[in-house]
Amino acid sequence: MTVRSPSPTHDISLDQARRIALGAQGFAAPKPSARIDRRHGRRVLDHVGLIQIDSVNVVVRSQELPLFARLGHHRRDLIAQMTIAGDLFEY
């Protein structure tokens, strides 16, 4: 029987924890300076893993928000282009 010692712990500040969490979600990367296209959307999707497509439209449809938060202004048909190209699918 192998007995493992506990993993070492590190103390970090709340600000450091916040930066780590936001960075892990792709918010630390600078927004692209070029015109946003499927390639940029695909990069976000590869990083976050999925985008929930939702038909509720209060301000914008909810699937627009993760891309906007990470890429900034982009064409409104970017998700449709990515779906047609097979980058996304609706479940």
PDB file of N, CA and C in Angstrom:
ATOM      1  N   MET A   1       0.828  -1.168   0.000  1.00  0.00           N
ATOM      2  CA  MET A   1       0.000   0.000   0.000  1.00  0.00           C
ATOM      3  C   MET A   1       0.882   1.244   0.000  1.00  0.00           C
ATOM      4  N   THR A   2       0.586   2.140  -0.923  1.00  0.00           N
ATOM      5  CA  THR A   2       1.350   3.377  -1.026  1.00  0.00           C
ATOM      6  C   THR A   2       0.594   4.502  -0.330  1.00  0.00           C
ATOM      7  N   VAL A   3       1.301   5.201   0.509  1.00  0.00           N
ATOM      8  CA  VAL A   3       0.702   6.342   1.202  1.00  0.00           C
ATOM      9  C   VAL A   3       1.263   7.604   0.575  1.00  0.00           C
ATOM     10  N   ARG A   4       0.371   8.448   0.114  1.00  0.00           N
ATOM     11  CA  ARG A   4       0.812   9.703  -0.500  1.00  0.00           C
ATOM     12  C   ARG A   4       0.749  10.830   0.516  1.00  0.00           C
ATOM     13  N   SER A   5       1.753  11.668   0.446  1.00  0.00           N
ATOM     14  CA  SER A   5       1.695  12.854   1.300  1.00  0.00           C
ATOM     15  C   SER A   5       0.824  13.895   0.609  1.00  0.00           C
ATOM     16  N   PRO A   6       0.213  14.767   1.370  1.00  0.00           N
ATOM     17  CA  PRO A   6      -0.659  15.773   0.754  1.00  0.00           C
ATOM     18  C   PRO A   6       0.121  16.665  -0.210  1.00  0.00           C
ATOM     19  N   SER A   7      -0.562  17.108  -1.242  1.00  0.00           N
ATOM     20  CA  SER A   7       0.059  18.025  -2.201  1.00  0.00           C
ATOM     21  C   SER A   7       0.378  19.335  -1.502  1.00  0.00           C
ATOM     22  N   PRO A   8       1.472  19.969  -1.896  1.00  0.00           N
ATOM     23  CA  PRO A   8       1.785  21.257  -1.276  1.00  0.00           C
ATOM     24  C   PRO A   8       0.719  22.293  -1.643  1.00  0.00           C
ATOM     25  N   THR A   9       0.462  23.192  -0.745  1.00  0.00           N
ATOM     26  CA  THR A   9      -0.512  24.247  -1.012  1.00  0.00           C
ATOM     27  C   THR A   9       0.212  25.580  -1.154  1.00  0.00           C
ATOM     28  N   HIS A  10      -0.424  26.482  -1.858  1.00  0.00           N
ATOM     29  CA  HIS A  10       0.127  27.820  -2.045  1.00  0.00           C
ATOM     30  C   HIS A  10      -0.954  28.822  -1.690  1.00  0.00           C
ATOM     31  N   ASP A  11      -0.580  29.823  -0.954  1.00  0.00           N
ATOM     32  CA  ASP A  11      -1.523  30.889  -0.640  1.00  0.00           C
ATOM     33  C   ASP A  11      -1.465  31.932  -1.748  1.00  0.00           C
ATOM     34  N   ILE A  12      -2.632  32.310  -2.248  1.00  0.00           N
ATOM     35  CA  ILE A  12      -2.707  33.373  -3.242  1.00  0.00           C
ATOM     36  C   ILE A  12      -3.776  34.367  -2.798  1.00  0.00           C
ATOM     37  N   SER A  13      -3.629  35.570  -3.277  1.00  0.00           N
ATOM     38  CA  SER A  13      -4.597  36.602  -2.906  1.00  0.00           C
ATOM     39  C   SER A  13      -5.881  36.426  -3.711  1.00  0.00           C
ATOM     40  N   LEU A  14      -6.921  37.094  -3.271  1.00  0.00           N
ATOM     41  CA  LEU A  14      -8.187  37.080  -3.999  1.00  0.00           C
ATOM     42  C   LEU A  14      -7.994  37.641  -5.408  1.00  0.00           C
ATOM     43  N   ASP A  15      -7.191  38.692  -5.531  1.00  0.00           N
ATOM     44  CA  ASP A  15      -6.930  39.287  -6.844  1.00  0.00           C
ATOM     45  C   ASP A  15      -6.205  38.298  -7.763  1.00  0.00           C
ATOM     46  N   GLN A  16      -5.222  37.572  -7.230  1.00  0.00           N
ATOM     47  CA  GLN A  16      -4.521  36.564  -8.030  1.00  0.00           C
ATOM     48  C   GLN A  16      -5.476  35.457  -8.457  1.00  0.00           C
ATOM     49  N   ALA A  17      -6.329  35.010  -7.553  1.00  0.00           N
ATOM     50  CA  ALA A  17      -7.304  33.960  -7.882  1.00  0.00           C
ATOM     51  C   ALA A  17      -8.250  34.442  -8.974  1.00  0.00           C
ATOM     52  N   ARG A  18      -8.685  35.685  -8.875  1.00  0.00           N
ATOM     53  CA  ARG A  18      -9.584  36.260  -9.883  1.00  0.00           C
ATOM     54  C   ARG A  18      -8.891  36.298 -11.250  1.00  0.00           C
ATOM     55  N   ARG A  19      -7.632  36.724 -11.270  1.00  0.00           N
ATOM     56  CA  ARG A  19      -6.887  36.780 -12.544  1.00  0.00           C
ATOM     57  C   ARG A  19      -6.705  35.395 -13.152  1.00  0.00           C
ATOM     58  N   ILE A  20      -6.431  34.416 -12.312  1.00  0.00           N
ATOM     59  CA  ILE A  20      -6.270  33.040 -12.800  1.00  0.00           C
ATOM     60  C   ILE A  20      -7.576  32.544 -13.408  1.00  0.00           C
ATOM     61  N   ALA A  21      -8.688  32.777 -12.700  1.00  0.00           N
ATOM     62  CA  ALA A  21      -9.992  32.310 -13.191  1.00  0.00           C
ATOM     63  C   ALA A  21     -10.369  32.999 -14.500  1.00  0.00           C
ATOM     64  N   LEU A  22     -10.186  34.305 -14.579  1.00  0.00           N
ATOM     65  CA  LEU A  22     -10.524  35.032 -15.812  1.00  0.00           C
ATOM     66  C   LEU A  22      -9.591  34.648 -16.954  1.00  0.00           C
ATOM     67  N   GLY A  23      -8.316  34.463 -16.648  1.00  0.00           N
ATOM     68  CA  GLY A  23      -7.362  34.041 -17.674  1.00  0.00           C
ATOM     69  C   GLY A  23      -7.687  32.664 -18.219  1.00  0.00           C
ATOM     70  N   ALA A  24      -8.119  31.761 -17.338  1.00  0.00           N
ATOM     71  CA  ALA A  24      -8.474  30.405 -17.769  1.00  0.00           C
ATOM     72  C   ALA A  24      -9.671  30.403 -18.709  1.00  0.00           C
ATOM     73  N   GLN A  25     -10.525  31.409 -18.614  1.00  0.00           N
ATOM     74  CA  GLN A  25     -11.690  31.506 -19.496  1.00  0.00           C
ATOM     75  C   GLN A  25     -11.411  32.320 -20.753  1.00  0.00           C
ATOM     76  N   GLY A  26     -10.174  32.790 -20.919  1.00  0.00           N
ATOM     77  CA  GLY A  26      -9.809  33.502 -22.138  1.00  0.00           C
ATOM     78  C   GLY A  26     -10.029  35.004 -22.099  1.00  0.00           C
ATOM     79  N   PHE A  27     -10.312  35.560 -20.924  1.00  0.00           N
ATOM     80  CA  PHE A  27     -10.560  36.994 -20.835  1.00  0.00           C
ATOM     81  C   PHE A  27      -9.279  37.820 -20.745  1.00  0.00           C
ATOM     82  N   ALA A  28      -8.134  37.192 -20.504  1.00  0.00           N
ATOM     83  CA  ALA A  28      -6.885  37.942 -20.376  1.00  0.00           C
ATOM     84  C   ALA A  28      -6.259  38.244 -21.734  1.00  0.00           C
ATOM     85  N   ALA A  29      -6.627  37.486 -22.746  1.00  0.00           N
ATOM     86  CA  ALA A  29      -6.051  37.687 -24.081  1.00  0.00           C
ATOM     87  C   ALA A  29      -6.575  38.986 -24.686  1.00  0.00           C
ATOM     88  N   PRO A  30      -5.722  39.702 -25.402  1.00  0.00           N
ATOM     89  CA  PRO A  30      -6.200  40.931 -26.045  1.00  0.00           C
ATOM     90  C   PRO A  30      -7.203  40.607 -27.144  1.00  0.00           C
ATOM     91  N   LYS A  31      -8.141  41.511 -27.351  1.00  0.00           N
ATOM     92  CA  LYS A  31      -9.114  41.325 -28.428  1.00  0.00           C
ATOM     93  C   LYS A  31      -8.398  41.498 -29.767  1.00  0.00           C
ATOM     94  N   PRO A  32      -8.792  40.744 -30.784  1.00  0.00           N
ATOM     95  CA  PRO A  32      -8.143  40.860 -32.092  1.00  0.00           C
ATOM     96  C   PRO A  32      -8.299  42.267 -32.667  1.00  0.00           C
ATOM     97  N   SER A  33      -7.251  42.726 -33.352  1.00  0.00           N
ATOM     98  CA  SER A  33      -7.328  44.039 -33.998  1.00  0.00           C
ATOM     99  C   SER A  33      -7.846  43.907 -35.428  1.00  0.00           C
ATOM    100  N   ALA A  34      -7.751  42.718 -35.987  1.00  0.00           N
ATOM    101  CA  ALA A  34      -8.233  42.483 -37.356  1.00  0.00           C
ATOM    102  C   ALA A  34      -9.744  42.258 -37.345  1.00  0.00           C
ATOM    103  N   ARG A  35     -10.343  42.267 -38.524  1.00  0.00           N
ATOM    104  CA  ARG A  35     -11.773  41.982 -38.658  1.00  0.00           C
ATOM    105  C   ARG A  35     -12.038  40.569 -38.138  1.00  0.00           C
ATOM    106  N   ILE A  36     -13.029  40.424 -37.273  1.00  0.00           N
ATOM    107  CA  ILE A  36     -13.344  39.135 -36.657  1.00  0.00           C
ATOM    108  C   ILE A  36     -13.972  38.212 -37.693  1.00  0.00           C
ATOM    109  N   ASP A  37     -13.489  36.966 -37.757  1.00  0.00           N
ATOM    110  CA  ASP A  37     -14.049  35.988 -38.683  1.00  0.00           C
ATOM    111  C   ASP A  37     -14.173  34.635 -37.985  1.00  0.00           C
ATOM    112  N   ARG A  38     -14.533  33.604 -38.741  1.00  0.00           N
ATOM    113  CA  ARG A  38     -14.726  32.266 -38.177  1.00  0.00           C
ATOM    114  C   ARG A  38     -13.487  31.772 -37.439  1.00  0.00           C
ATOM    115  N   ARG A  39     -12.327  32.107 -37.934  1.00  0.00           N
ATOM    116  CA  ARG A  39     -11.082  31.657 -37.308  1.00  0.00           C
ATOM    117  C   ARG A  39     -11.014  32.136 -35.845  1.00  0.00           C
ATOM    118  N   HIS A  40     -11.401  33.389 -35.606  1.00  0.00           N
ATOM    119  CA  HIS A  40     -11.405  33.921 -34.246  1.00  0.00           C
ATOM    120  C   HIS A  40     -12.468  33.220 -33.396  1.00  0.00           C
ATOM    121  N   GLY A  41     -13.652  33.040 -33.968  1.00  0.00           N
ATOM    122  CA  GLY A  41     -14.715  32.339 -33.254  1.00  0.00           C
ATOM    123  C   GLY A  41     -14.301  30.925 -32.902  1.00  0.00           C
ATOM    124  N   ARG A  42     -13.630  30.260 -33.826  1.00  0.00           N
ATOM    125  CA  ARG A  42     -13.163  28.889 -33.587  1.00  0.00           C
ATOM    126  C   ARG A  42     -12.142  28.859 -32.448  1.00  0.00           C
ATOM    127  N   ARG A  43     -11.273  29.856 -32.393  1.00  0.00           N
ATOM    128  CA  ARG A  43     -10.270  29.920 -31.328  1.00  0.00           C
ATOM    129  C   ARG A  43     -10.952  30.032 -29.953  1.00  0.00           C
ATOM    130  N   VAL A  44     -11.989  30.870 -29.868  1.00  0.00           N
ATOM    131  CA  VAL A  44     -12.743  30.990 -28.610  1.00  0.00           C
ATOM    132  C   VAL A  44     -13.409  29.660 -28.285  1.00  0.00           C
ATOM    133  N   LEU A  45     -14.057  29.052 -29.269  1.00  0.00           N
ATOM    134  CA  LEU A  45     -14.743  27.781 -29.048  1.00  0.00           C
ATOM    135  C   LEU A  45     -13.765  26.690 -28.616  1.00  0.00           C
ATOM    136  N   ASP A  46     -12.587  26.642 -29.228  1.00  0.00           N
ATOM    137  CA  ASP A  46     -11.578  25.659 -28.826  1.00  0.00           C
ATOM    138  C   ASP A  46     -11.163  25.869 -27.368  1.00  0.00           C
ATOM    139  N   HIS A  47     -11.132  27.119 -26.944  1.00  0.00           N
ATOM    140  CA  HIS A  47     -10.704  27.423 -25.576  1.00  0.00           C
ATOM    141  C   HIS A  47     -11.797  27.120 -24.554  1.00  0.00           C
ATOM    142  N   VAL A  48     -13.030  27.559 -24.815  1.00  0.00           N
ATOM    143  CA  VAL A  48     -14.096  27.382 -23.817  1.00  0.00           C
ATOM    144  C   VAL A  48     -14.827  26.053 -23.946  1.00  0.00           C
ATOM    145  N   GLY A  49     -14.746  25.416 -25.109  1.00  0.00           N
ATOM    146  CA  GLY A  49     -15.333  24.089 -25.272  1.00  0.00           C
ATOM    147  C   GLY A  49     -16.732  24.058 -25.849  1.00  0.00           C
ATOM    148  N   LEU A  50     -17.573  25.013 -25.480  1.00  0.00           N
ATOM    149  CA  LEU A  50     -18.935  25.028 -26.013  1.00  0.00           C
ATOM    150  C   LEU A  50     -19.542  26.403 -25.835  1.00  0.00           C
ATOM    151  N   ILE A  51     -20.568  26.649 -26.612  1.00  0.00           N
ATOM    152  CA  ILE A  51     -21.384  27.852 -26.483  1.00  0.00           C
ATOM    153  C   ILE A  51     -22.820  27.375 -26.450  1.00  0.00           C
ATOM    154  N   GLN A  52     -23.559  27.790 -25.446  1.00  0.00           N
ATOM    155  CA  GLN A  52     -24.962  27.394 -25.352  1.00  0.00           C
ATOM    156  C   GLN A  52     -25.782  28.254 -26.298  1.00  0.00           C
ATOM    157  N   ILE A  53     -26.431  27.611 -27.259  1.00  0.00           N
ATOM    158  CA  ILE A  53     -27.300  28.327 -28.187  1.00  0.00           C
ATOM    159  C   ILE A  53     -28.682  28.392 -27.565  1.00  0.00           C
ATOM    160  N   ASP A  54     -29.171  29.603 -27.397  1.00  0.00           N
ATOM    161  CA  ASP A  54     -30.426  29.843 -26.692  1.00  0.00           C
ATOM    162  C   ASP A  54     -31.253  30.822 -27.507  1.00  0.00           C
ATOM    163  N   SER A  55     -32.530  30.554 -27.632  1.00  0.00           N
ATOM    164  CA  SER A  55     -33.380  31.412 -28.457  1.00  0.00           C
ATOM    165  C   SER A  55     -33.919  32.625 -27.717  1.00  0.00           C
ATOM    166  N   VAL A  56     -33.639  32.751 -26.419  1.00  0.00           N
ATOM    167  CA  VAL A  56     -34.111  33.918 -25.672  1.00  0.00           C
ATOM    168  C   VAL A  56     -33.328  35.141 -26.137  1.00  0.00           C
ATOM    169  N   ASN A  57     -34.045  36.195 -26.487  1.00  0.00           N
ATOM    170  CA  ASN A  57     -33.418  37.389 -27.037  1.00  0.00           C
ATOM    171  C   ASN A  57     -33.876  38.608 -26.237  1.00  0.00           C
ATOM    172  N   VAL A  58     -33.133  38.940 -25.191  1.00  0.00           N
ATOM    173  CA  VAL A  58     -33.470  40.115 -24.395  1.00  0.00           C
ATOM    174  C   VAL A  58     -32.642  41.286 -24.889  1.00  0.00           C
ATOM    175  N   VAL A  59     -31.340  41.217 -24.776  1.00  0.00           N
ATOM    176  CA  VAL A  59     -30.448  42.221 -25.356  1.00  0.00           C
ATOM    177  C   VAL A  59     -29.919  41.662 -26.665  1.00  0.00           C
ATOM    178  N   VAL A  60     -29.268  40.525 -26.573  1.00  0.00           N
ATOM    179  CA  VAL A  60     -28.849  39.733 -27.738  1.00  0.00           C
ATOM    180  C   VAL A  60     -29.045  38.277 -27.346  1.00  0.00           C
ATOM    181  N   ARG A  61     -29.025  37.394 -28.314  1.00  0.00           N
ATOM    182  CA  ARG A  61     -29.145  35.972 -28.000  1.00  0.00           C
ATOM    183  C   ARG A  61     -27.930  35.555 -27.173  1.00  0.00           C
ATOM    184  N   SER A  62     -28.141  34.677 -26.219  1.00  0.00           N
ATOM    185  CA  SER A  62     -27.093  34.357 -25.245  1.00  0.00           C
ATOM    186  C   SER A  62     -25.832  33.776 -25.874  1.00  0.00           C
ATOM    187  N   GLN A  63     -25.949  33.092 -27.012  1.00  0.00           N
ATOM    188  CA  GLN A  63     -24.742  32.534 -27.623  1.00  0.00           C
ATOM    189  C   GLN A  63     -23.823  33.618 -28.177  1.00  0.00           C
ATOM    190  N   GLU A  64     -24.326  34.836 -28.347  1.00  0.00           N
ATOM    191  CA  GLU A  64     -23.487  35.938 -28.816  1.00  0.00           C
ATOM    192  C   GLU A  64     -22.550  36.439 -27.714  1.00  0.00           C
ATOM    193  N   LEU A  65     -22.931  36.284 -26.463  1.00  0.00           N
ATOM    194  CA  LEU A  65     -22.204  36.904 -25.365  1.00  0.00           C
ATOM    195  C   LEU A  65     -20.789  36.367 -25.154  1.00  0.00           C
ATOM    196  N   PRO A  66     -20.538  35.033 -25.175  1.00  0.00           N
ATOM    197  CA  PRO A  66     -19.162  34.575 -24.977  1.00  0.00           C
ATOM    198  C   PRO A  66     -18.210  35.078 -26.057  1.00  0.00           C
ATOM    199  N   LEU A  67     -18.663  35.106 -27.312  1.00  0.00           N
ATOM    200  CA  LEU A  67     -17.796  35.605 -28.379  1.00  0.00           C
ATOM    201  C   LEU A  67     -17.564  37.105 -28.229  1.00  0.00           C
ATOM    202  N   PHE A  68     -18.615  37.873 -27.945  1.00  0.00           N
ATOM    203  CA  PHE A  68     -18.461  39.318 -27.791  1.00  0.00           C
ATOM    204  C   PHE A  68     -17.533  39.645 -26.625  1.00  0.00           C
ATOM    205  N   ALA A  69     -17.680  38.929 -25.514  1.00  0.00           N
ATOM    206  CA  ALA A  69     -16.854  39.201 -24.337  1.00  0.00           C
ATOM    207  C   ALA A  69     -15.382  38.953 -24.609  1.00  0.00           C
ATOM    208  N   ARG A  70     -15.074  38.009 -25.501  1.00  0.00           N
ATOM    209  CA  ARG A  70     -13.683  37.661 -25.759  1.00  0.00           C
ATOM    210  C   ARG A  70     -13.126  38.290 -27.031  1.00  0.00           C
ATOM    211  N   LEU A  71     -13.986  38.601 -27.997  1.00  0.00           N
ATOM    212  CA  LEU A  71     -13.522  39.115 -29.285  1.00  0.00           C
ATOM    213  C   LEU A  71     -13.901  40.568 -29.526  1.00  0.00           C
ATOM    214  N   GLY A  72     -14.904  41.065 -28.831  1.00  0.00           N
ATOM    215  CA  GLY A  72     -15.397  42.412 -29.112  1.00  0.00           C
ATOM    216  C   GLY A  72     -16.377  42.372 -30.272  1.00  0.00           C
ATOM    217  N   HIS A  73     -16.563  43.528 -30.901  1.00  0.00           N
ATOM    218  CA  HIS A  73     -17.537  43.638 -31.989  1.00  0.00           C
ATOM    219  C   HIS A  73     -17.191  42.670 -33.125  1.00  0.00           C
ATOM    220  N   HIS A  74     -18.183  41.942 -33.593  1.00  0.00           N
ATOM    221  CA  HIS A  74     -18.009  41.022 -34.714  1.00  0.00           C
ATOM    222  C   HIS A  74     -19.312  40.973 -35.502  1.00  0.00           C
ATOM    223  N   ARG A  75     -19.251  40.414 -36.697  1.00  0.00           N
ATOM    224  CA  ARG A  75     -20.457  40.299 -37.525  1.00  0.00           C
ATOM    225  C   ARG A  75     -21.485  39.441 -36.805  1.00  0.00           C
ATOM    226  N   ARG A  76     -22.743  39.845 -36.888  1.00  0.00           N
ATOM    227  CA  ARG A  76     -23.819  39.130 -36.198  1.00  0.00           C
ATOM    228  C   ARG A  76     -24.044  37.733 -36.773  1.00  0.00           C
ATOM    229  N   ASP A  77     -23.579  37.475 -37.984  1.00  0.00           N
ATOM    230  CA  ASP A  77     -23.786  36.151 -38.578  1.00  0.00           C
ATOM    231  C   ASP A  77     -22.597  35.209 -38.355  1.00  0.00           C
ATOM    232  N   LEU A  78     -21.657  35.573 -37.464  1.00  0.00           N
ATOM    233  CA  LEU A  78     -20.483  34.735 -37.232  1.00  0.00           C
ATOM    234  C   LEU A  78     -20.878  33.337 -36.759  1.00  0.00           C
ATOM    235  N   ILE A  79     -21.800  33.232 -35.813  1.00  0.00           N
ATOM    236  CA  ILE A  79     -22.203  31.910 -35.314  1.00  0.00           C
ATOM    237  C   ILE A  79     -22.903  31.118 -36.410  1.00  0.00           C
ATOM    238  N   ALA A  80     -23.723  31.770 -37.215  1.00  0.00           N
ATOM    239  CA  ALA A  80     -24.371  31.077 -38.339  1.00  0.00           C
ATOM    240  C   ALA A  80     -23.320  30.568 -39.316  1.00  0.00           C
ATOM    241  N   GLN A  81     -22.309  31.381 -39.615  1.00  0.00           N
ATOM    242  CA  GLN A  81     -21.228  30.945 -40.508  1.00  0.00           C
ATOM    243  C   GLN A  81     -20.504  29.736 -39.922  1.00  0.00           C
ATOM    244  N   MET A  82     -20.225  29.783 -38.616  1.00  0.00           N
ATOM    245  CA  MET A  82     -19.522  28.676 -37.972  1.00  0.00           C
ATOM    246  C   MET A  82     -20.374  27.412 -37.967  1.00  0.00           C
ATOM    247  N   THR A  83     -21.687  27.551 -37.819  1.00  0.00           N
ATOM    248  CA  THR A  83     -22.586  26.394 -37.837  1.00  0.00           C
ATOM    249  C   THR A  83     -22.627  25.775 -39.226  1.00  0.00           C
ATOM    250  N   ILE A  84     -22.774  26.602 -40.251  1.00  0.00           N
ATOM    251  CA  ILE A  84     -22.807  26.108 -41.635  1.00  0.00           C
ATOM    252  C   ILE A  84     -21.502  25.406 -41.989  1.00  0.00           C
ATOM    253  N   ALA A  85     -20.378  25.947 -41.508  1.00  0.00           N
ATOM    254  CA  ALA A  85     -19.066  25.364 -41.810  1.00  0.00           C
ATOM    255  C   ALA A  85     -18.775  24.104 -40.994  1.00  0.00           C
ATOM    256  N   GLY A  86     -19.614  23.798 -40.008  1.00  0.00           N
ATOM    257  CA  GLY A  86     -19.386  22.608 -39.196  1.00  0.00           C
ATOM    258  C   GLY A  86     -18.529  22.854 -37.967  1.00  0.00           C
ATOM    259  N   ASP A  87     -18.182  24.123 -37.687  1.00  0.00           N
ATOM    260  CA  ASP A  87     -17.419  24.434 -36.478  1.00  0.00           C
ATOM    261  C   ASP A  87     -18.286  24.263 -35.234  1.00  0.00           C
ATOM    262  N   LEU A  88     -19.592  24.474 -35.377  1.00  0.00           N
ATOM    263  CA  LEU A  88     -20.570  24.358 -34.293  1.00  0.00           C
ATOM    264  C   LEU A  88     -21.695  23.444 -34.736  1.00  0.00           C
ATOM    265  N   PHE A  89     -22.420  22.916 -33.796  1.00  0.00           N
ATOM    266  CA  PHE A  89     -23.649  22.201 -34.124  1.00  0.00           C
ATOM    267  C   PHE A  89     -24.650  22.474 -33.022  1.00  0.00           C
ATOM    268  N   GLU A  90     -25.917  22.363 -33.356  1.00  0.00           N
ATOM    269  CA  GLU A  90     -26.967  22.587 -32.374  1.00  0.00           C
ATOM    270  C   GLU A  90     -27.458  21.242 -31.889  1.00  0.00           C
ATOM    271  N   TYR A  91     -27.509  21.074 -30.578  1.00  0.00           N
ATOM    272  CA  TYR A  91     -27.912  19.806 -29.972  1.00  0.00           C
ATOM    273  C   TYR A  91     -29.314  19.907 -29.476  1.00  0.00           C
TER     274      TYR A  91
END
